[in-house]
Amino acid sequence: MAELCVHAGRHYAIQFHYALPDDAWCVELSEAVPAPAAWAEIPNAETHLPGTAFVVAVIPDEDPGLEPTVHLHSRDEHVIPYEIVRWFMEHVAEQVERCRLAFEQGEPETAD
């Protein structure tokens, strides 16, 4: 499930997924896109969905010696407002802390 934010009339999305080949959690930032028009009649349906990620934080959870990294993915230039970058990095920092705490406690980690 994605978390959505509107800033200056633009919609952004953050979503989490686990990248098994990397043994890492990924936190993705994208510009959200409108949901299909057919969803308009569905009660409580999302109005926007995550688009193609243009910033991805990779947070290893199997090896505490590996540092989290941030990857920029884009063919086009993206101007990201400061408040959106802060919002994204707050989610990244929270996920890093959850992964580190889970590793210390010997538990498998899940995203919230």
PDB file of N, CA and C in Angstrom:
ATOM      1  N   MET A   1       0.835  -1.172   0.000  1.00  0.00           N
ATOM      2  CA  MET A   1       0.000   0.000   0.000  1.00  0.00           C
ATOM      3  C   MET A   1       0.885   1.242   0.000  1.00  0.00           C
ATOM      4  N   ALA A   2       0.457   2.234  -0.714  1.00  0.00           N
ATOM      5  CA  ALA A   2       1.234   3.455  -0.844  1.00  0.00           C
ATOM      6  C   ALA A   2       0.723   4.529   0.107  1.00  0.00           C
ATOM      7  N   GLU A   3       1.609   5.425   0.441  1.00  0.00           N
ATOM      8  CA  GLU A   3       1.223   6.613   1.192  1.00  0.00           C
ATOM      9  C   GLU A   3       1.281   7.779   0.216  1.00  0.00           C
ATOM     10  N   LEU A   4       0.237   8.599   0.221  1.00  0.00           N
ATOM     11  CA  LEU A   4       0.133   9.700  -0.731  1.00  0.00           C
ATOM     12  C   LEU A   4       0.262  11.036  -0.021  1.00  0.00           C
ATOM     13  N   CYS A   5       0.764  12.034  -0.755  1.00  0.00           N
ATOM     14  CA  CYS A   5       0.905  13.385  -0.238  1.00  0.00           C
ATOM     15  C   CYS A   5       0.660  14.351  -1.388  1.00  0.00           C
ATOM     16  N   VAL A   6      -0.052  15.442  -1.101  1.00  0.00           N
ATOM     17  CA  VAL A   6      -0.273  16.484  -2.096  1.00  0.00           C
ATOM     18  C   VAL A   6       0.529  17.699  -1.664  1.00  0.00           C
ATOM     19  N   HIS A   7       1.297  18.236  -2.591  1.00  0.00           N
ATOM     20  CA  HIS A   7       2.095  19.431  -2.313  1.00  0.00           C
ATOM     21  C   HIS A   7       2.012  20.344  -3.527  1.00  0.00           C
ATOM     22  N   ALA A   8       1.563  21.564  -3.295  1.00  0.00           N
ATOM     23  CA  ALA A   8       1.455  22.572  -4.365  1.00  0.00           C
ATOM     24  C   ALA A   8       0.664  22.032  -5.559  1.00  0.00           C
ATOM     25  N   GLY A   9      -0.385  21.270  -5.270  1.00  0.00           N
ATOM     26  CA  GLY A   9      -1.263  20.764  -6.315  1.00  0.00           C
ATOM     27  C   GLY A   9      -0.769  19.516  -7.031  1.00  0.00           C
ATOM     28  N   ARG A  10       0.409  19.019  -6.665  1.00  0.00           N
ATOM     29  CA  ARG A  10       0.941  17.801  -7.283  1.00  0.00           C
ATOM     30  C   ARG A  10       0.852  16.667  -6.273  1.00  0.00           C
ATOM     31  N   HIS A  11       0.600  15.475  -6.788  1.00  0.00           N
ATOM     32  CA  HIS A  11       0.458  14.286  -5.946  1.00  0.00           C
ATOM     33  C   HIS A  11       1.743  13.459  -5.993  1.00  0.00           C
ATOM     34  N   TYR A  12       2.176  13.015  -4.823  1.00  0.00           N
ATOM     35  CA  TYR A  12       3.363  12.176  -4.707  1.00  0.00           C
ATOM     36  C   TYR A  12       2.993  10.910  -3.944  1.00  0.00           C
ATOM     37  N   ALA A  13       3.762   9.855  -4.164  1.00  0.00           N
ATOM     38  CA  ALA A  13       3.496   8.580  -3.492  1.00  0.00           C
ATOM     39  C   ALA A  13       4.803   7.988  -2.980  1.00  0.00           C
ATOM     40  N   ILE A  14       4.695   7.345  -1.839  1.00  0.00           N
ATOM     41  CA  ILE A  14       5.792   6.544  -1.296  1.00  0.00           C
ATOM     42  C   ILE A  14       5.243   5.132  -1.150  1.00  0.00           C
ATOM     43  N   GLN A  15       6.027   4.174  -1.612  1.00  0.00           N
ATOM     44  CA  GLN A  15       5.648   2.784  -1.361  1.00  0.00           C
ATOM     45  C   GLN A  15       6.883   1.985  -0.992  1.00  0.00           C
ATOM     46  N   PHE A  16       6.637   0.919  -0.247  1.00  0.00           N
ATOM     47  CA  PHE A  16       7.682   0.035   0.251  1.00  0.00           C
ATOM     48  C   PHE A  16       7.569  -1.313  -0.457  1.00  0.00           C
ATOM     49  N   HIS A  17       8.708  -1.914  -0.738  1.00  0.00           N
ATOM     50  CA  HIS A  17       8.701  -3.301  -1.194  1.00  0.00           C
ATOM     51  C   HIS A  17      10.034  -3.928  -0.820  1.00  0.00           C
ATOM     52  N   TYR A  18      10.027  -5.244  -0.780  1.00  0.00           N
ATOM     53  CA  TYR A  18      11.253  -5.968  -0.434  1.00  0.00           C
ATOM     54  C   TYR A  18      11.901  -6.472  -1.705  1.00  0.00           C
ATOM     55  N   ALA A  19      13.184  -6.175  -1.883  1.00  0.00           N
ATOM     56  CA  ALA A  19      13.953  -6.641  -3.039  1.00  0.00           C
ATOM     57  C   ALA A  19      14.750  -7.864  -2.599  1.00  0.00           C
ATOM     58  N   LEU A  20      14.210  -9.029  -2.885  1.00  0.00           N
ATOM     59  CA  LEU A  20      14.824 -10.277  -2.442  1.00  0.00           C
ATOM     60  C   LEU A  20      16.270 -10.439  -2.930  1.00  0.00           C
ATOM     61  N   PRO A  21      16.585 -10.137  -4.203  1.00  0.00           N
ATOM     62  CA  PRO A  21      17.981 -10.311  -4.639  1.00  0.00           C
ATOM     63  C   PRO A  21      18.975  -9.451  -3.852  1.00  0.00           C
ATOM     64  N   ASP A  22      18.506  -8.307  -3.346  1.00  0.00           N
ATOM     65  CA  ASP A  22      19.378  -7.394  -2.601  1.00  0.00           C
ATOM     66  C   ASP A  22      19.294  -7.600  -1.094  1.00  0.00           C
ATOM     67  N   ASP A  23      18.373  -8.465  -0.628  1.00  0.00           N
ATOM     68  CA  ASP A  23      18.115  -8.604   0.807  1.00  0.00           C
ATOM     69  C   ASP A  23      17.943  -7.221   1.424  1.00  0.00           C
ATOM     70  N   ALA A  24      17.044  -6.447   0.825  1.00  0.00           N
ATOM     71  CA  ALA A  24      16.883  -5.069   1.264  1.00  0.00           C
ATOM     72  C   ALA A  24      15.458  -4.581   1.054  1.00  0.00           C
ATOM     73  N   TRP A  25      15.061  -3.653   1.919  1.00  0.00           N
ATOM     74  CA  TRP A  25      13.804  -2.947   1.737  1.00  0.00           C
ATOM     75  C   TRP A  25      14.045  -1.771   0.821  1.00  0.00           C
ATOM     76  N   CYS A  26      13.091  -1.491  -0.028  1.00  0.00           N
ATOM     77  CA  CYS A  26      13.158  -0.334  -0.913  1.00  0.00           C
ATOM     78  C   CYS A  26      12.011   0.610  -0.563  1.00  0.00           C
ATOM     79  N   VAL A  27      12.347   1.872  -0.462  1.00  0.00           N
ATOM     80  CA  VAL A  27      11.361   2.913  -0.257  1.00  0.00           C
ATOM     81  C   VAL A  27      11.397   3.751  -1.528  1.00  0.00           C
ATOM     82  N   GLU A  28      10.272   3.796  -2.230  1.00  0.00           N
ATOM     83  CA  GLU A  28      10.223   4.454  -3.540  1.00  0.00           C
ATOM     84  C   GLU A  28       9.397   5.728  -3.481  1.00  0.00           C
ATOM     85  N   LEU A  29       9.912   6.771  -4.121  1.00  0.00           N
ATOM     86  CA  LEU A  29       9.187   8.026  -4.264  1.00  0.00           C
ATOM     87  C   LEU A  29       8.833   8.195  -5.729  1.00  0.00           C
ATOM     88  N   SER A  30       7.565   8.522  -5.978  1.00  0.00           N
ATOM     89  CA  SER A  30       7.120   8.766  -7.343  1.00  0.00           C
ATOM     90  C   SER A  30       6.093   9.877  -7.349  1.00  0.00           C
ATOM     91  N   GLU A  31       5.849  10.393  -8.527  1.00  0.00           N
ATOM     92  CA  GLU A  31       4.718  11.289  -8.684  1.00  0.00           C
ATOM     93  C   GLU A  31       3.507  10.385  -8.878  1.00  0.00           C
ATOM     94  N   ALA A  32       2.458  10.627  -8.121  1.00  0.00           N
ATOM     95  CA  ALA A  32       1.275   9.771  -8.204  1.00  0.00           C
ATOM     96  C   ALA A  32       0.495  10.105  -9.479  1.00  0.00           C
ATOM     97  N   VAL A  33      -0.138   9.083 -10.015  1.00  0.00           N
ATOM     98  CA  VAL A  33      -0.939   9.236 -11.230  1.00  0.00           C
ATOM     99  C   VAL A  33      -2.409   8.981 -10.895  1.00  0.00           C
ATOM    100  N   PRO A  34      -3.319   9.577 -11.645  1.00  0.00           N
ATOM    101  CA  PRO A  34      -4.743   9.355 -11.364  1.00  0.00           C
ATOM    102  C   PRO A  34      -5.113   7.878 -11.486  1.00  0.00           C
ATOM    103  N   ALA A  35      -5.987   7.448 -10.593  1.00  0.00           N
ATOM    104  CA  ALA A  35      -6.509   6.079 -10.649  1.00  0.00           C
ATOM    105  C   ALA A  35      -7.426   5.955 -11.863  1.00  0.00           C
ATOM    106  N   PRO A  36      -7.665   4.740 -12.331  1.00  0.00           N
ATOM    107  CA  PRO A  36      -8.570   4.558 -13.472  1.00  0.00           C
ATOM    108  C   PRO A  36      -9.945   5.175 -13.195  1.00  0.00           C
ATOM    109  N   ALA A  37     -10.529   5.759 -14.217  1.00  0.00           N
ATOM    110  CA  ALA A  37     -11.833   6.409 -14.081  1.00  0.00           C
ATOM    111  C   ALA A  37     -12.892   5.445 -13.552  1.00  0.00           C
ATOM    112  N   ALA A  38     -12.784   4.172 -13.880  1.00  0.00           N
ATOM    113  CA  ALA A  38     -13.762   3.176 -13.441  1.00  0.00           C
ATOM    114  C   ALA A  38     -13.782   3.048 -11.914  1.00  0.00           C
ATOM    115  N   TRP A  39     -12.729   3.460 -11.237  1.00  0.00           N
ATOM    116  CA  TRP A  39     -12.676   3.370  -9.792  1.00  0.00           C
ATOM    117  C   TRP A  39     -13.530   4.433  -9.107  1.00  0.00           C
ATOM    118  N   ALA A  40     -13.947   5.454  -9.854  1.00  0.00           N
ATOM    119  CA  ALA A  40     -14.686   6.576  -9.265  1.00  0.00           C
ATOM    120  C   ALA A  40     -15.966   6.124  -8.572  1.00  0.00           C
ATOM    121  N   GLU A  41     -16.545   5.041  -9.033  1.00  0.00           N
ATOM    122  CA  GLU A  41     -17.800   4.557  -8.458  1.00  0.00           C
ATOM    123  C   GLU A  41     -17.591   3.608  -7.280  1.00  0.00           C
ATOM    124  N   ILE A  42     -16.352   3.271  -6.989  1.00  0.00           N
ATOM    125  CA  ILE A  42     -16.044   2.351  -5.890  1.00  0.00           C
ATOM    126  C   ILE A  42     -15.859   3.169  -4.605  1.00  0.00           C
ATOM    127  N   PRO A  43     -16.646   2.882  -3.580  1.00  0.00           N
ATOM    128  CA  PRO A  43     -16.502   3.618  -2.322  1.00  0.00           C
ATOM    129  C   PRO A  43     -15.091   3.461  -1.748  1.00  0.00           C
ATOM    130  N   ASN A  44     -14.540   4.551  -1.258  1.00  0.00           N
ATOM    131  CA  ASN A  44     -13.224   4.585  -0.603  1.00  0.00           C
ATOM    132  C   ASN A  44     -12.064   4.171  -1.507  1.00  0.00           C
ATOM    133  N   ALA A  45     -12.271   4.158  -2.806  1.00  0.00           N
ATOM    134  CA  ALA A  45     -11.180   3.802  -3.724  1.00  0.00           C
ATOM    135  C   ALA A  45     -10.162   4.936  -3.771  1.00  0.00           C
ATOM    136  N   GLU A  46      -8.925   4.577  -3.957  1.00  0.00           N
ATOM    137  CA  GLU A  46      -7.866   5.576  -4.089  1.00  0.00           C
ATOM    138  C   GLU A  46      -8.124   6.429  -5.334  1.00  0.00           C
ATOM    139  N   THR A  47      -7.790   7.700  -5.242  1.00  0.00           N
ATOM    140  CA  THR A  47      -7.926   8.581  -6.404  1.00  0.00           C
ATOM    141  C   THR A  47      -6.634   8.667  -7.195  1.00  0.00           C
ATOM    142  N   HIS A  48      -5.521   8.307  -6.545  1.00  0.00           N
ATOM    143  CA  HIS A  48      -4.215   8.327  -7.203  1.00  0.00           C
ATOM    144  C   HIS A  48      -3.440   7.069  -6.813  1.00  0.00           C
ATOM    145  N   LEU A  49      -2.555   6.664  -7.706  1.00  0.00           N
ATOM    146  CA  LEU A  49      -1.713   5.486  -7.503  1.00  0.00           C
ATOM    147  C   LEU A  49      -0.255   5.876  -7.726  1.00  0.00           C
ATOM    148  N   PRO A  50       0.678   5.127  -7.144  1.00  0.00           N
ATOM    149  CA  PRO A  50       2.088   5.435  -7.387  1.00  0.00           C
ATOM    150  C   PRO A  50       2.414   5.336  -8.876  1.00  0.00           C
ATOM    151  N   GLY A  51       3.231   6.258  -9.332  1.00  0.00           N
ATOM    152  CA  GLY A  51       3.733   6.206 -10.697  1.00  0.00           C
ATOM    153  C   GLY A  51       5.081   5.506 -10.706  1.00  0.00           C
ATOM    154  N   THR A  52       5.855   5.765 -11.733  1.00  0.00           N
ATOM    155  CA  THR A  52       7.189   5.187 -11.845  1.00  0.00           C
ATOM    156  C   THR A  52       8.118   5.879 -10.855  1.00  0.00           C
ATOM    157  N   ALA A  53       8.808   5.095 -10.048  1.00  0.00           N
ATOM    158  CA  ALA A  53       9.694   5.654  -9.021  1.00  0.00           C
ATOM    159  C   ALA A  53      10.848   6.412  -9.654  1.00  0.00           C
ATOM    160  N   PHE A  54      11.139   7.591  -9.108  1.00  0.00           N
ATOM    161  CA  PHE A  54      12.309   8.329  -9.580  1.00  0.00           C
ATOM    162  C   PHE A  54      13.368   8.482  -8.495  1.00  0.00           C
ATOM    163  N   VAL A  55      13.034   8.154  -7.252  1.00  0.00           N
ATOM    164  CA  VAL A  55      14.017   8.076  -6.169  1.00  0.00           C
ATOM    165  C   VAL A  55      13.715   6.800  -5.389  1.00  0.00           C
ATOM    166  N   VAL A  56      14.756   5.983  -5.162  1.00  0.00           N
ATOM    167  CA  VAL A  56      14.589   4.735  -4.428  1.00  0.00           C
ATOM    168  C   VAL A  56      15.683   4.636  -3.370  1.00  0.00           C
ATOM    169  N   ALA A  57      15.273   4.471  -2.133  1.00  0.00           N
ATOM    170  CA  ALA A  57      16.220   4.202  -1.057  1.00  0.00           C
ATOM    171  C   ALA A  57      16.266   2.692  -0.864  1.00  0.00           C
ATOM    172  N   VAL A  58      17.470   2.147  -0.817  1.00  0.00           N
ATOM    173  CA  VAL A  58      17.675   0.712  -0.634  1.00  0.00           C
ATOM    174  C   VAL A  58      18.288   0.517   0.754  1.00  0.00           C
ATOM    175  N   ILE A  59      17.563  -0.251   1.580  1.00  0.00           N
ATOM    176  CA  ILE A  59      17.946  -0.410   2.982  1.00  0.00           C
ATOM    177  C   ILE A  59      18.199  -1.885   3.271  1.00  0.00           C
ATOM    178  N   PRO A  60      19.479  -2.313   3.272  1.00  0.00           N
ATOM    179  CA  PRO A  60      19.794  -3.712   3.557  1.00  0.00           C
ATOM    180  C   PRO A  60      19.340  -4.094   4.964  1.00  0.00           C
ATOM    181  N   ASP A  61      18.746  -5.280   5.088  1.00  0.00           N
ATOM    182  CA  ASP A  61      18.304  -5.705   6.421  1.00  0.00           C
ATOM    183  C   ASP A  61      18.938  -7.022   6.859  1.00  0.00           C
ATOM    184  N   GLU A  62      19.829  -7.575   6.064  1.00  0.00           N
ATOM    185  CA  GLU A  62      20.487  -8.831   6.427  1.00  0.00           C
ATOM    186  C   GLU A  62      21.911  -8.610   6.931  1.00  0.00           C
ATOM    187  N   ASP A  63      22.534  -7.507   6.539  1.00  0.00           N
ATOM    188  CA  ASP A  63      23.918  -7.231   6.903  1.00  0.00           C
ATOM    189  C   ASP A  63      24.012  -5.811   7.444  1.00  0.00           C
ATOM    190  N   PRO A  64      24.181  -5.663   8.772  1.00  0.00           N
ATOM    191  CA  PRO A  64      24.219  -4.318   9.346  1.00  0.00           C
ATOM    192  C   PRO A  64      25.435  -3.510   8.900  1.00  0.00           C
ATOM    193  N   GLY A  65      26.404  -4.147   8.286  1.00  0.00           N
ATOM    194  CA  GLY A  65      27.581  -3.446   7.791  1.00  0.00           C
ATOM    195  C   GLY A  65      27.331  -2.714   6.484  1.00  0.00           C
ATOM    196  N   LEU A  66      26.263  -3.068   5.798  1.00  0.00           N
ATOM    197  CA  LEU A  66      25.941  -2.393   4.536  1.00  0.00           C
ATOM    198  C   LEU A  66      25.149  -1.123   4.817  1.00  0.00           C
ATOM    199  N   GLU A  67      25.543  -0.047   4.170  1.00  0.00           N
ATOM    200  CA  GLU A  67      24.877   1.234   4.362  1.00  0.00           C
ATOM    201  C   GLU A  67      23.667   1.362   3.443  1.00  0.00           C
ATOM    202  N   PRO A  68      22.616   2.013   3.925  1.00  0.00           N
ATOM    203  CA  PRO A  68      21.508   2.349   3.028  1.00  0.00           C
ATOM    204  C   PRO A  68      22.013   3.290   1.930  1.00  0.00           C
ATOM    205  N   THR A  69      21.413   3.196   0.775  1.00  0.00           N
ATOM    206  CA  THR A  69      21.787   4.051  -0.348  1.00  0.00           C
ATOM    207  C   THR A  69      20.534   4.652  -0.965  1.00  0.00           C
ATOM    208  N   VAL A  70      20.714   5.751  -1.678  1.00  0.00           N
ATOM    209  CA  VAL A  70      19.616   6.400  -2.392  1.00  0.00           C
ATOM    210  C   VAL A  70      19.983   6.416  -3.873  1.00  0.00           C
ATOM    211  N   HIS A  71      19.063   5.931  -4.691  1.00  0.00           N
ATOM    212  CA  HIS A  71      19.286   5.844  -6.135  1.00  0.00           C
ATOM    213  C   HIS A  71      18.317   6.782  -6.848  1.00  0.00           C
ATOM    214  N   LEU A  72      18.831   7.536  -7.803  1.00  0.00           N
ATOM    215  CA  LEU A  72      17.998   8.420  -8.604  1.00  0.00           C
ATOM    216  C   LEU A  72      17.780   7.771  -9.955  1.00  0.00           C
ATOM    217  N   HIS A  73      16.510   7.601 -10.328  1.00  0.00           N
ATOM    218  CA  HIS A  73      16.153   6.956 -11.582  1.00  0.00           C
ATOM    219  C   HIS A  73      15.309   7.919 -12.402  1.00  0.00           C
ATOM    220  N   SER A  74      15.840   8.363 -13.530  1.00  0.00           N
ATOM    221  CA  SER A  74      15.029   9.263 -14.330  1.00  0.00           C
ATOM    222  C   SER A  74      15.667   9.488 -15.691  1.00  0.00           C
ATOM    223  N   ARG A  75      14.829   9.462 -16.689  1.00  0.00           N
ATOM    224  CA  ARG A  75      15.274   9.886 -18.017  1.00  0.00           C
ATOM    225  C   ARG A  75      15.013  11.376 -18.178  1.00  0.00           C
ATOM    226  N   ASP A  76      14.024  11.857 -17.450  1.00  0.00           N
ATOM    227  CA  ASP A  76      13.644  13.260 -17.497  1.00  0.00           C
ATOM    228  C   ASP A  76      14.045  13.927 -16.191  1.00  0.00           C
ATOM    229  N   GLU A  77      14.158  15.239 -16.236  1.00  0.00           N
ATOM    230  CA  GLU A  77      14.452  15.980 -15.015  1.00  0.00           C
ATOM    231  C   GLU A  77      13.201  16.039 -14.147  1.00  0.00           C
ATOM    232  N   HIS A  78      13.385  15.810 -12.856  1.00  0.00           N
ATOM    233  CA  HIS A  78      12.296  15.934 -11.889  1.00  0.00           C
ATOM    234  C   HIS A  78      12.693  16.998 -10.879  1.00  0.00           C
ATOM    235  N   VAL A  79      11.826  17.956 -10.687  1.00  0.00           N
ATOM    236  CA  VAL A  79      12.026  18.948  -9.644  1.00  0.00           C
ATOM    237  C   VAL A  79      11.197  18.478  -8.462  1.00  0.00           C
ATOM    238  N   ILE A  80      11.877  18.198  -7.368  1.00  0.00           N
ATOM    239  CA  ILE A  80      11.200  17.657  -6.187  1.00  0.00           C
ATOM    240  C   ILE A  80      11.237  18.728  -5.103  1.00  0.00           C
ATOM    241  N   PRO A  81      10.069  19.179  -4.658  1.00  0.00           N
ATOM    242  CA  PRO A  81      10.048  20.196  -3.608  1.00  0.00           C
ATOM    243  C   PRO A  81      10.736  19.696  -2.333  1.00  0.00           C
ATOM    244  N   TYR A  82      11.360  20.619  -1.640  1.00  0.00           N
ATOM    245  CA  TYR A  82      12.077  20.310  -0.410  1.00  0.00           C
ATOM    246  C   TYR A  82      11.194  19.553   0.578  1.00  0.00           C
ATOM    247  N   GLU A  83       9.955  19.996   0.773  1.00  0.00           N
ATOM    248  CA  GLU A  83       9.065  19.336   1.733  1.00  0.00           C
ATOM    249  C   GLU A  83       8.809  17.881   1.350  1.00  0.00           C
ATOM    250  N   ILE A  84       8.759  17.571   0.063  1.00  0.00           N
ATOM    251  CA  ILE A  84       8.558  16.189  -0.386  1.00  0.00           C
ATOM    252  C   ILE A  84       9.822  15.373  -0.125  1.00  0.00           C
ATOM    253  N   VAL A  85      10.990  15.975  -0.355  1.00  0.00           N
ATOM    254  CA  VAL A  85      12.247  15.273  -0.053  1.00  0.00           C
ATOM    255  C   VAL A  85      12.314  14.967   1.448  1.00  0.00           C
ATOM    256  N   ARG A  86      11.951  15.924   2.285  1.00  0.00           N
ATOM    257  CA  ARG A  86      11.939  15.687   3.740  1.00  0.00           C
ATOM    258  C   ARG A  86      10.976  14.572   4.109  1.00  0.00           C
ATOM    259  N   TRP A  87       9.772  14.614   3.538  1.00  0.00           N
ATOM    260  CA  TRP A  87       8.758  13.582   3.799  1.00  0.00           C
ATOM    261  C   TRP A  87       9.296  12.207   3.427  1.00  0.00           C
ATOM    262  N   PHE A  88       9.908  12.105   2.253  1.00  0.00           N
ATOM    263  CA  PHE A  88      10.494  10.843   1.787  1.00  0.00           C
ATOM    264  C   PHE A  88      11.608  10.388   2.736  1.00  0.00           C
ATOM    265  N   MET A  89      12.531  11.279   3.069  1.00  0.00           N
ATOM    266  CA  MET A  89      13.666  10.900   3.906  1.00  0.00           C
ATOM    267  C   MET A  89      13.234  10.547   5.329  1.00  0.00           C
ATOM    268  N   GLU A  90      12.151  11.115   5.829  1.00  0.00           N
ATOM    269  CA  GLU A  90      11.626  10.706   7.128  1.00  0.00           C
ATOM    270  C   GLU A  90      11.188   9.246   7.076  1.00  0.00           C
ATOM    271  N   HIS A  91      10.533   8.848   5.972  1.00  0.00           N
ATOM    272  CA  HIS A  91      10.130   7.451   5.819  1.00  0.00           C
ATOM    273  C   HIS A  91      11.355   6.543   5.699  1.00  0.00           C
ATOM    274  N   VAL A  92      12.367   7.014   4.981  1.00  0.00           N
ATOM    275  CA  VAL A  92      13.596   6.230   4.829  1.00  0.00           C
ATOM    276  C   VAL A  92      14.260   6.056   6.196  1.00  0.00           C
ATOM    277  N   ALA A  93      14.383   7.132   6.955  1.00  0.00           N
ATOM    278  CA  ALA A  93      15.025   7.062   8.269  1.00  0.00           C
ATOM    279  C   ALA A  93      14.270   6.109   9.202  1.00  0.00           C
ATOM    280  N   GLU A  94      12.939   6.153   9.165  1.00  0.00           N
ATOM    281  CA  GLU A  94      12.146   5.243   9.994  1.00  0.00           C
ATOM    282  C   GLU A  94      12.378   3.787   9.595  1.00  0.00           C
ATOM    283  N   GLN A  95      12.466   3.525   8.296  1.00  0.00           N
ATOM    284  CA  GLN A  95      12.690   2.151   7.834  1.00  0.00           C
ATOM    285  C   GLN A  95      14.087   1.676   8.204  1.00  0.00           C
ATOM    286  N   VAL A  96      15.077   2.556   8.109  1.00  0.00           N
ATOM    287  CA  VAL A  96      16.437   2.197   8.526  1.00  0.00           C
ATOM    288  C   VAL A  96      16.439   1.801  10.001  1.00  0.00           C
ATOM    289  N   GLU A  97      15.789   2.590  10.829  1.00  0.00           N
ATOM    290  CA  GLU A  97      15.734   2.287  12.261  1.00  0.00           C
ATOM    291  C   GLU A  97      15.016   0.968  12.527  1.00  0.00           C
ATOM    292  N   ARG A  98      13.900   0.720  11.829  1.00  0.00           N
ATOM    293  CA  ARG A  98      13.182  -0.550  12.016  1.00  0.00           C
ATOM    294  C   ARG A  98      14.059  -1.731  11.623  1.00  0.00           C
ATOM    295  N   CYS A  99      14.769  -1.609  10.505  1.00  0.00           N
ATOM    296  CA  CYS A  99      15.627  -2.707  10.050  1.00  0.00           C
ATOM    297  C   CYS A  99      16.768  -2.953  11.028  1.00  0.00           C
ATOM    298  N   ARG A 100      17.380  -1.896  11.506  1.00  0.00           N
ATOM    299  CA  ARG A 100      18.494  -2.051  12.453  1.00  0.00           C
ATOM    300  C   ARG A 100      18.026  -2.643  13.771  1.00  0.00           C
ATOM    301  N   LEU A 101      16.896  -2.181  14.257  1.00  0.00           N
ATOM    302  CA  LEU A 101      16.352  -2.714  15.502  1.00  0.00           C
ATOM    303  C   LEU A 101      15.986  -4.187  15.343  1.00  0.00           C
ATOM    304  N   ALA A 102      15.351  -4.530  14.233  1.00  0.00           N
ATOM    305  CA  ALA A 102      14.968  -5.924  13.992  1.00  0.00           C
ATOM    306  C   ALA A 102      16.207  -6.810  13.886  1.00  0.00           C
ATOM    307  N   PHE A 103      17.272  -6.309  13.242  1.00  0.00           N
ATOM    308  CA  PHE A 103      18.492  -7.097  13.124  1.00  0.00           C
ATOM    309  C   PHE A 103      19.099  -7.346  14.513  1.00  0.00           C
ATOM    310  N   GLU A 104      19.125  -6.289  15.329  1.00  0.00           N
ATOM    311  CA  GLU A 104      19.672  -6.434  16.681  1.00  0.00           C
ATOM    312  C   GLU A 104      18.882  -7.440  17.504  1.00  0.00           C
ATOM    313  N   GLN A 105      17.570  -7.499  17.281  1.00  0.00           N
ATOM    314  CA  GLN A 105      16.709  -8.406  18.031  1.00  0.00           C
ATOM    315  C   GLN A 105      16.574  -9.760  17.364  1.00  0.00           C
ATOM    316  N   GLY A 106      17.201  -9.902  16.175  1.00  0.00           N
ATOM    317  CA  GLY A 106      17.159 -11.184  15.477  1.00  0.00           C
ATOM    318  C   GLY A 106      15.809 -11.511  14.888  1.00  0.00           C
ATOM    319  N   GLU A 107      15.025 -10.496  14.540  1.00  0.00           N
ATOM    320  CA  GLU A 107      13.692 -10.697  13.991  1.00  0.00           C
ATOM    321  C   GLU A 107      13.654 -10.311  12.520  1.00  0.00           C
ATOM    322  N   PRO A 108      12.810 -10.980  11.741  1.00  0.00           N
ATOM    323  CA  PRO A 108      12.618 -10.540  10.361  1.00  0.00           C
ATOM    324  C   PRO A 108      11.880  -9.200  10.368  1.00  0.00           C
ATOM    325  N   GLU A 109      12.201  -8.329   9.431  1.00  0.00           N
ATOM    326  CA  GLU A 109      11.645  -6.983   9.385  1.00  0.00           C
ATOM    327  C   GLU A 109      10.489  -6.898   8.399  1.00  0.00           C
ATOM    328  N   THR A 110       9.488  -6.121   8.757  1.00  0.00           N
ATOM    329  CA  THR A 110       8.376  -5.834   7.849  1.00  0.00           C
ATOM    330  C   THR A 110       8.204  -4.338   7.781  1.00  0.00           C
ATOM    331  N   ALA A 111       7.731  -3.835   6.646  1.00  0.00           N
ATOM    332  CA  ALA A 111       7.439  -2.408   6.505  1.00  0.00           C
ATOM    333  C   ALA A 111       6.094  -2.124   7.122  1.00  0.00           C
ATOM    334  N   ASP A 112       5.925  -0.919   7.630  1.00  0.00           N
ATOM    335  CA  ASP A 112       4.616  -0.525   8.168  1.00  0.00           C
ATOM    336  C   ASP A 112       3.681  -0.124   7.069  1.00  0.00           C
TER     337      ASP A 112
END
